[in-house]
Amino acid sequence: MYHILDLLEGKTVIRLIEKQGKGQANLYLENQQPVRCSRNIQGRATFVLFSSVLNITPSDRLHSSMFAYTRRILHKTIGNLYSPLNVIKCRNLSGNIAGINYGGANVSKIKETKSVTNSSQVKELLDSYDTFLLDLDGTLWGTDHYSTIPGVSKAIDFLRKQGKEILFVTNNSFHSNAHYLHKFQSMGFEAEEDHVFGVAYAAALYLKDMLNVTGQVYMLGTLGMANELDKMGIQHFGLGPDLDGSSLQVEDLLKMEFRENVEAVLMGFDKDFHYNKIFKAASYLMDAKCHFVATNDVEIAVKIAPNRMQPTTGSLIQSVAAASKRKPEVVGKPHTLMFDCVMDKYPQTDPKRTLFVGDSLKADVRFANNVGIDSVLVLTGANTMKDLKDYPDAIPSYVMPSFAEFFIP
């Protein structure tokens, strides 16, 4: 399988070709000077600059994380071969990457991560941004969803007094936005519901305002997701245990209940996930006009005790994707649809003056990089500075010990 992307710098065209094999991906950058670098991604990926032109037919997709890493390599390694690379414009010869339109996109020059450790550095940072997008778990409270992080409420109050707009963005599909308002109050601060972008809400917003779904939605998810669909006036079914009996007999499967006019399958975390639900979701998705939407897929499983692994949302979604041979449109971080929802609701937001604050490299920082905004990694949750070497495509703009550091006495 081959993928092709052309990166345009002035009149210079750098051609990126990805060749995928069994557990291996080779990327070739077309230029007149040889440069080599490599990274591991499901095996080993090797980048080679060469002068000859390959006659290869492009396919339909290019791995977005490969693109993000290559973009950094261009700036760090190839930048000194040309005039300074301030902006790279790119076009995808094989069509838009799902959820991301790279056509004519501007990519800012790579920044090294800056540590923010004192009030003068915080003030400089505050002067650079007007809108703050805040992750929740691991950023405003502990990753266990219960423990507090000292100083968070003071930092939020301080940012608001500085005239900053604060929006809350989370991949947790368990709860509705109304739940988070109560959670905020218990943590010592308040917010308006319009400022909360829980992935359950964002998925409902995406179905209604962007996909214009008016028919039925088969939902595999939580009560929080159902509540958000209800508020949007979206008809849905599927919450809770499946009502049909379990069977592998074809005659029994064919007798199971199926509804008409199902325009979308929506998946989040579902504690009642079952073989019947995989069968029904995959069957609805045989209709090419039926949308496949997922809340998030970056969280696959979590170790909860020695020799005990709890499957999470991503693993459930993968089972339906495999059965249906369909790839979902993923709303949550690090995919870009969540940012589309933010911009749809707050079109005046300037991405150049927007900062994302989160604790996860693979979800939060990658999200910021994918949508072209700056980011802060806080060290109160999923990742530490030592993890940066494992995520070369998720390098934050800044790192801070805690979100509480935004409060200047």
Protein backbone atom coordinates (compact mmCIF):
# COMPACT_ATOMS: atom_id res chain seq x y z
CA MET A 1 0.00 0.00 0.00
CA TYR A 2 1.34 3.43 -0.94
CA HIS A 3 0.33 6.91 0.19
CA ILE A 4 1.58 10.18 -1.28
CA LEU A 5 1.60 13.70 0.15
CA ASP A 6 3.24 16.75 -1.41
CA LEU A 7 4.67 19.38 0.93
CA LEU A 8 5.07 22.74 -0.75
CA GLU A 9 7.69 25.24 0.43
CA GLY A 10 7.76 28.13 -1.98
CA LYS A 11 8.48 26.57 -5.36
CA THR A 12 10.05 23.50 -3.82
CA VAL A 13 7.97 20.31 -3.68
CA ILE A 14 8.98 17.67 -1.17
CA ARG A 15 7.17 14.44 -1.92
CA LEU A 16 6.33 12.14 0.98
CA ILE A 17 5.59 8.55 0.04
CA GLU A 18 4.50 6.03 2.64
CA LYS A 19 4.87 2.35 1.87
CA GLN A 20 3.11 0.09 4.35
CA GLY A 21 3.93 -3.56 4.78
CA LYS A 22 3.53 -6.09 7.54
CA GLY A 23 4.13 -4.12 10.71
CA GLN A 24 6.35 -1.71 8.84
CA ALA A 25 6.03 1.68 7.17
CA ASN A 26 8.71 3.28 5.03
CA LEU A 27 8.50 6.99 4.29
CA TYR A 28 10.45 8.55 1.44
CA LEU A 29 11.03 12.28 1.12
CA GLU A 30 11.99 13.41 -2.37
CA ASN A 31 14.89 15.86 -2.49
CA GLN A 32 18.35 16.17 -3.95
CA GLN A 33 20.28 15.64 -0.73
CA PRO A 34 20.31 12.49 1.38
CA VAL A 35 19.19 12.72 5.00
CA ARG A 36 18.20 9.84 7.23
CA CYS A 37 16.19 9.58 10.42
CA SER A 38 13.86 7.01 11.92
CA ARG A 39 11.18 6.30 14.51
CA ASN A 40 9.23 3.28 15.68
CA ILE A 41 5.54 3.09 14.81
CA GLN A 42 4.02 -0.39 14.76
CA GLY A 43 7.43 -1.63 13.79
CA ARG A 44 10.08 0.62 12.30
CA ALA A 45 9.62 3.60 10.02
CA THR A 46 12.59 4.86 8.01
CA PHE A 47 12.73 8.28 6.35
CA VAL A 48 14.99 8.63 3.30
CA LEU A 49 15.61 11.68 1.11
CA PHE A 50 16.31 10.81 -2.48
CA SER A 51 16.51 12.45 -5.89
CA SER A 52 14.76 10.03 -8.21
CA VAL A 53 11.07 10.38 -9.01
CA LEU A 54 8.96 7.31 -8.29
CA ASN A 55 5.96 6.49 -10.44
CA ILE A 56 3.55 5.30 -7.74
CA THR A 57 -0.24 5.37 -7.74
CA PRO A 58 -1.54 7.12 -4.60
CA SER A 59 -4.08 5.42 -2.35
CA ASP A 60 -6.82 7.00 -0.30
CA ARG A 61 -5.24 7.73 3.06
CA LEU A 62 -2.12 8.95 4.82
CA HIS A 63 -1.47 8.13 8.48
CA SER A 64 -1.93 11.42 10.34
CA SER A 65 0.62 10.65 13.07
CA MET A 66 3.18 9.88 10.38
CA PHE A 67 2.43 13.24 8.82
CA ALA A 68 2.76 15.05 12.15
CA TYR A 69 6.13 13.46 12.85
CA THR A 70 7.39 14.06 9.31
CA ARG A 71 6.37 17.70 9.62
CA ARG A 72 8.68 18.00 12.61
CA ILE A 73 11.50 16.25 10.80
CA LEU A 74 11.10 18.71 7.92
CA HIS A 75 11.52 21.64 10.26
CA LYS A 76 14.37 20.19 12.30
CA THR A 77 16.37 18.36 9.65
CA ILE A 78 15.47 19.70 6.23
CA GLY A 79 14.93 23.28 7.28
CA ASN A 80 18.62 24.11 7.08
CA LEU A 81 18.82 22.78 3.51
CA TYR A 82 16.46 25.48 2.25
CA SER A 83 15.69 29.03 3.15
CA PRO A 84 14.17 29.08 6.67
CA LEU A 85 10.95 27.06 6.81
CA ASN A 86 8.49 29.50 8.33
CA VAL A 87 5.40 27.95 6.77
CA ILE A 88 4.80 24.73 4.91
CA LYS A 89 1.74 24.45 2.69
CA CYS A 90 0.65 20.95 1.89
CA ARG A 91 -1.77 19.11 -0.33
CA ASN A 92 -2.85 15.51 -0.12
CA LEU A 93 -2.62 13.82 -3.51
CA SER A 94 -4.69 10.88 -2.30
CA GLY A 95 -7.65 12.81 -0.86
CA ASN A 96 -8.39 14.29 2.54
CA ILE A 97 -7.39 12.37 5.61
CA ALA A 98 -10.56 11.44 7.51
CA GLY A 99 -11.54 14.29 9.78
CA ILE A 100 -8.57 16.42 8.75
CA ASN A 101 -8.22 18.61 5.70
CA TYR A 102 -4.54 19.26 5.06
CA GLY A 103 -5.20 20.96 1.73
CA GLY A 104 -3.50 24.34 1.80
CA ALA A 105 -3.00 24.08 5.56
CA ASN A 106 -0.37 26.25 7.21
CA VAL A 107 2.02 24.58 9.61
CA SER A 108 3.86 26.80 12.06
CA LYS A 109 7.54 26.29 12.54
CA ILE A 110 8.38 23.77 15.27
CA LYS A 111 8.77 25.10 18.81
CA GLU A 112 10.88 23.59 21.52
CA THR A 113 9.02 22.87 24.75
CA LYS A 114 9.41 25.68 27.27
CA SER A 115 9.22 25.08 31.03
CA VAL A 116 7.01 27.59 32.81
CA THR A 117 8.10 27.75 36.44
CA ASN A 118 7.77 31.35 37.68
CA SER A 119 5.26 34.20 37.65
CA SER A 120 7.06 36.25 35.00
CA GLN A 121 6.95 33.30 32.59
CA VAL A 122 3.27 32.77 33.41
CA LYS A 123 2.53 36.44 32.71
CA GLU A 124 4.33 36.25 29.37
CA LEU A 125 2.25 33.19 28.52
CA LEU A 126 -1.00 34.91 29.57
CA ASP A 127 -0.23 37.88 27.35
CA SER A 128 -0.02 35.55 24.34
CA TYR A 129 -3.42 33.86 24.57
CA ASP A 130 -7.09 34.86 24.88
CA THR A 131 -8.84 31.47 24.89
CA PHE A 132 -7.94 28.56 27.16
CA LEU A 133 -9.19 25.05 26.38
CA LEU A 134 -8.94 22.94 29.53
CA ASP A 135 -8.92 19.17 29.86
CA LEU A 136 -10.61 17.83 33.00
CA ASP A 137 -9.34 14.46 34.32
CA GLY A 138 -5.70 14.82 35.36
CA THR A 139 -5.77 18.59 34.80
CA LEU A 140 -8.49 20.11 37.01
CA TRP A 141 -8.76 17.05 39.27
CA GLY A 142 -7.04 13.69 39.58
CA THR A 143 -7.15 10.94 36.98
CA ASP A 144 -9.21 8.93 39.48
CA HIS A 145 -11.99 11.52 38.90
CA TYR A 146 -12.21 12.27 42.64
CA SER A 147 -9.00 13.63 44.13
CA THR A 148 -8.48 17.39 44.09
CA ILE A 149 -5.53 19.35 42.70
CA PRO A 150 -4.76 22.28 45.04
CA GLY A 151 -5.12 25.77 43.60
CA VAL A 152 -7.24 24.93 40.55
CA SER A 153 -10.22 27.10 41.48
CA LYS A 154 -7.94 30.08 42.21
CA ALA A 155 -6.29 29.70 38.81
CA ILE A 156 -9.64 29.63 37.01
CA ASP A 157 -10.86 32.72 38.88
CA PHE A 158 -7.60 34.50 38.09
CA LEU A 159 -7.79 33.72 34.38
CA ARG A 160 -11.34 35.01 34.22
CA LYS A 161 -10.35 38.23 35.95
CA GLN A 162 -7.71 38.66 33.25
CA GLY A 163 -10.51 38.53 30.66
CA LYS A 164 -9.63 35.07 29.36
CA GLU A 165 -12.30 32.85 27.84
CA ILE A 166 -12.27 29.37 29.37
CA LEU A 167 -13.76 26.34 27.63
CA PHE A 168 -13.72 22.81 29.04
CA VAL A 169 -12.94 19.87 26.74
CA THR A 170 -13.02 16.22 27.83
CA ASN A 171 -12.97 12.75 26.25
CA ASN A 172 -14.97 11.23 29.10
CA SER A 173 -18.20 9.95 27.53
CA PHE A 174 -19.75 8.78 30.82
CA HIS A 175 -21.36 12.08 31.69
CA SER A 176 -23.51 14.86 30.31
CA ASN A 177 -22.49 18.51 30.41
CA ALA A 178 -24.95 19.09 33.27
CA HIS A 179 -23.02 16.56 35.35
CA TYR A 180 -19.82 18.52 34.87
CA LEU A 181 -21.44 21.74 36.08
CA HIS A 182 -22.18 20.02 39.40
CA LYS A 183 -18.68 18.58 39.43
CA PHE A 184 -17.18 22.05 38.95
CA GLN A 185 -19.21 23.40 41.88
CA SER A 186 -17.91 20.59 44.11
CA MET A 187 -14.36 21.60 43.10
CA GLY A 188 -14.91 25.26 44.02
CA PHE A 189 -15.68 26.99 40.71
CA GLU A 190 -18.56 27.40 38.30
CA ALA A 191 -19.12 27.52 34.55
CA GLU A 192 -21.89 28.00 32.04
CA GLU A 193 -23.07 24.90 30.20
CA ASP A 194 -22.27 26.52 26.86
CA HIS A 195 -18.60 26.51 27.88
CA VAL A 196 -18.44 22.74 28.39
CA PHE A 197 -17.50 20.44 25.51
CA GLY A 198 -17.91 16.97 26.94
CA VAL A 199 -17.44 14.40 24.21
CA ALA A 200 -21.03 13.17 24.72
CA TYR A 201 -22.30 16.68 24.00
CA ALA A 202 -19.87 17.20 21.11
CA ALA A 203 -20.98 13.93 19.50
CA ALA A 204 -24.64 15.00 19.71
CA LEU A 205 -23.76 18.43 18.32
CA TYR A 206 -21.83 16.82 15.49
CA LEU A 207 -24.74 14.54 14.59
CA LYS A 208 -27.27 17.36 14.58
CA ASP A 209 -25.45 20.43 13.23
CA MET A 210 -22.75 18.93 11.02
CA LEU A 211 -24.22 15.64 9.76
CA ASN A 212 -27.82 16.93 9.86
CA VAL A 213 -29.13 13.61 11.19
CA THR A 214 -32.93 13.63 11.45
CA GLY A 215 -33.66 9.89 11.66
CA GLN A 216 -32.89 7.27 14.29
CA VAL A 217 -29.49 6.83 15.97
CA TYR A 218 -28.41 3.44 17.28
CA MET A 219 -26.45 4.38 20.39
CA LEU A 220 -24.01 2.16 22.24
CA GLY A 221 -23.10 4.28 25.21
CA THR A 222 -24.00 5.84 28.53
CA LEU A 223 -26.90 7.67 30.13
CA GLY A 224 -24.88 10.88 29.78
CA MET A 225 -24.73 10.37 26.02
CA ALA A 226 -28.47 9.64 25.90
CA ASN A 227 -29.18 12.85 27.83
CA GLU A 228 -27.19 14.92 25.34
CA LEU A 229 -29.00 13.34 22.39
CA ASP A 230 -32.33 14.07 24.11
CA LYS A 231 -31.41 17.73 24.58
CA MET A 232 -30.62 17.97 20.86
CA GLY A 233 -33.95 16.36 19.97
CA ILE A 234 -32.22 13.38 18.33
CA GLN A 235 -34.18 10.11 18.28
CA HIS A 236 -32.12 7.22 19.59
CA PHE A 237 -32.29 3.68 20.94
CA GLY A 238 -29.88 1.06 22.27
CA LEU A 239 -29.16 2.32 25.81
CA GLY A 240 -28.74 -0.46 28.35
CA PRO A 241 -28.73 -4.25 27.86
CA ASP A 242 -29.87 -5.55 24.49
CA LEU A 243 -33.38 -6.97 24.80
CA ASP A 244 -32.96 -9.84 22.35
CA GLY A 245 -31.78 -13.19 23.61
CA SER A 246 -28.20 -14.25 23.01
CA SER A 247 -27.70 -16.72 20.19
CA LEU A 248 -25.26 -17.66 17.44
CA GLN A 249 -27.92 -19.42 15.36
CA VAL A 250 -28.57 -17.64 12.08
CA GLU A 251 -32.33 -18.09 12.35
CA ASP A 252 -32.28 -16.42 15.79
CA LEU A 253 -30.08 -13.57 14.60
CA LEU A 254 -32.45 -12.86 11.72
CA LYS A 255 -35.40 -12.64 14.14
CA MET A 256 -33.76 -9.92 16.23
CA GLU A 257 -35.29 -6.43 16.25
CA PHE A 258 -34.00 -4.01 13.62
CA ARG A 259 -35.41 -0.54 13.09
CA GLU A 260 -35.95 1.47 9.95
CA ASN A 261 -34.49 4.87 9.14
CA VAL A 262 -31.31 4.43 11.19
CA GLU A 263 -29.07 7.24 9.97
CA ALA A 264 -26.16 6.80 12.39
CA VAL A 265 -24.46 4.44 14.79
CA LEU A 266 -22.98 6.31 17.76
CA MET A 267 -20.48 4.55 20.03
CA GLY A 268 -19.00 5.51 23.38
CA PHE A 269 -18.25 3.51 26.49
CA ASP A 270 -20.99 0.91 27.03
CA LYS A 271 -20.93 -1.25 30.16
CA ASP A 272 -23.67 -3.37 28.55
CA PHE A 273 -21.65 -4.09 25.43
CA HIS A 274 -22.61 -7.46 23.96
CA TYR A 275 -22.29 -9.68 20.87
CA ASN A 276 -25.83 -8.67 19.86
CA LYS A 277 -24.80 -5.04 19.77
CA ILE A 278 -21.83 -5.77 17.52
CA PHE A 279 -24.15 -7.69 15.20
CA LYS A 280 -26.73 -4.91 15.06
CA ALA A 281 -24.24 -2.04 14.72
CA ALA A 282 -22.34 -3.81 11.93
CA SER A 283 -25.63 -4.58 10.18
CA TYR A 284 -26.82 -0.97 10.26
CA LEU A 285 -23.43 0.12 8.96
CA MET A 286 -23.82 -2.04 5.87
CA ASP A 287 -25.81 0.95 4.60
CA ALA A 288 -23.15 3.30 3.24
CA LYS A 289 -25.39 6.27 4.07
CA CYS A 290 -25.45 5.34 7.77
CA HIS A 291 -22.85 7.41 9.64
CA PHE A 292 -20.42 5.70 12.03
CA VAL A 293 -19.57 8.13 14.83
CA ALA A 294 -17.46 7.42 17.92
CA THR A 295 -16.80 9.54 20.99
CA ASN A 296 -13.12 8.65 21.36
CA ASP A 297 -10.72 5.88 20.43
CA VAL A 298 -7.36 6.76 21.97
CA GLU A 299 -8.15 5.02 25.28
CA ILE A 300 -8.03 1.26 24.59
CA ALA A 301 -7.59 -0.39 28.00
CA VAL A 302 -6.33 0.40 31.48
CA LYS A 303 -4.55 -1.82 33.98
CA ILE A 304 -6.59 -1.73 37.19
CA ALA A 305 -4.68 -4.36 39.21
CA PRO A 306 -1.97 -6.99 38.72
CA ASN A 307 -3.10 -9.26 35.86
CA ARG A 308 -6.33 -7.28 35.44
CA MET A 309 -6.91 -5.18 32.31
CA GLN A 310 -10.14 -3.21 31.86
CA PRO A 311 -11.18 -2.63 28.22
CA THR A 312 -12.22 0.96 27.53
CA THR A 313 -13.99 2.78 24.72
CA GLY A 314 -11.41 2.28 21.99
CA SER A 315 -11.44 -1.51 22.22
CA LEU A 316 -15.25 -1.61 21.92
CA ILE A 317 -15.16 0.63 18.86
CA GLN A 318 -12.47 -1.49 17.23
CA SER A 319 -14.67 -4.59 17.41
CA VAL A 320 -17.53 -2.89 15.52
CA ALA A 321 -15.10 -1.31 13.06
CA ALA A 322 -13.63 -4.73 12.30
CA ALA A 323 -17.03 -6.40 11.90
CA SER A 324 -18.48 -3.63 9.72
CA LYS A 325 -15.28 -2.88 7.77
CA ARG A 326 -16.02 0.78 8.45
CA LYS A 327 -13.82 3.41 10.09
CA PRO A 328 -15.62 5.73 12.51
CA GLU A 329 -15.68 9.49 12.46
CA VAL A 330 -14.14 10.10 15.89
CA VAL A 331 -15.24 13.24 17.73
CA GLY A 332 -12.90 13.17 20.72
CA LYS A 333 -9.27 14.13 21.13
CA PRO A 334 -6.78 13.85 19.44
CA HIS A 335 -9.04 13.98 16.37
CA THR A 336 -10.03 17.38 15.06
CA LEU A 337 -13.83 17.14 15.10
CA MET A 338 -13.97 18.35 18.72
CA PHE A 339 -12.25 21.56 17.65
CA ASP A 340 -14.69 21.89 14.75
CA CYS A 341 -17.49 21.79 17.34
CA VAL A 342 -15.76 24.51 19.38
CA MET A 343 -15.28 26.70 16.32
CA ASP A 344 -18.86 26.09 15.20
CA LYS A 345 -20.11 27.43 18.52
CA TYR A 346 -17.42 30.09 19.02
CA PRO A 347 -16.44 31.19 15.48
CA GLN A 348 -14.71 34.30 16.81
CA THR A 349 -12.02 32.14 18.46
CA ASP A 350 -8.55 32.87 17.06
CA PRO A 351 -6.52 29.62 16.92
CA LYS A 352 -3.28 31.61 17.05
CA ARG A 353 -4.31 32.97 20.46
CA THR A 354 -5.78 29.72 21.79
CA LEU A 355 -3.99 27.47 24.28
CA PHE A 356 -4.87 23.90 25.22
CA VAL A 357 -3.99 22.73 28.74
CA GLY A 358 -3.96 19.01 29.47
CA ASP A 359 -2.14 16.11 31.09
CA SER A 360 -2.08 13.58 28.22
CA LEU A 361 0.44 13.60 25.40
CA LYS A 362 -1.43 11.13 23.21
CA ALA A 363 -4.83 12.84 23.61
CA ASP A 364 -4.40 16.49 24.63
CA VAL A 365 -1.08 17.52 23.09
CA ARG A 366 -1.69 15.54 19.91
CA PHE A 367 -5.09 17.22 19.67
CA ALA A 368 -3.51 20.66 19.93
CA ASN A 369 -0.90 19.77 17.33
CA ASN A 370 -3.52 18.35 14.97
CA VAL A 371 -5.67 21.50 15.05
CA GLY A 372 -2.72 23.90 14.98
CA ILE A 373 -2.87 25.49 18.43
CA ASP A 374 -0.30 25.72 21.22
CA SER A 375 -0.42 23.46 24.25
CA VAL A 376 0.65 23.13 27.88
CA LEU A 377 1.41 19.74 29.38
CA VAL A 378 0.66 19.74 33.11
CA LEU A 379 2.38 17.10 35.22
CA THR A 380 -0.58 16.19 37.45
CA GLY A 381 -1.97 13.32 35.42
CA ALA A 382 -1.15 10.81 32.72
CA ASN A 383 2.34 11.87 31.61
CA THR A 384 5.68 13.20 32.84
CA MET A 385 8.62 14.84 31.07
CA LYS A 386 10.26 11.40 30.70
CA ASP A 387 7.40 10.35 28.42
CA LEU A 388 8.23 12.94 25.76
CA LYS A 389 10.74 10.62 24.12
CA ASP A 390 7.94 8.09 23.53
CA TYR A 391 5.69 10.62 21.76
CA PRO A 392 7.81 12.44 19.17
CA ASP A 393 4.64 13.57 17.38
CA ALA A 394 3.12 15.03 20.55
CA ILE A 395 5.59 17.65 21.74
CA PRO A 396 3.91 20.40 23.82
CA SER A 397 4.66 24.09 23.49
CA TYR A 398 5.03 24.45 27.27
CA VAL A 399 5.21 22.29 30.36
CA MET A 400 4.01 23.30 33.86
CA PRO A 401 3.95 21.44 37.17
CA SER A 402 0.21 22.11 37.58
CA PHE A 403 -2.65 24.13 36.16
CA ALA A 404 -2.62 25.95 39.51
CA GLU A 405 0.55 27.72 38.35
CA PHE A 406 -1.65 30.04 36.26
CA PHE A 407 -2.62 31.84 39.47
CA ILE A 408 -0.31 34.80 40.11
CA PRO A 409 -0.63 36.10 43.71
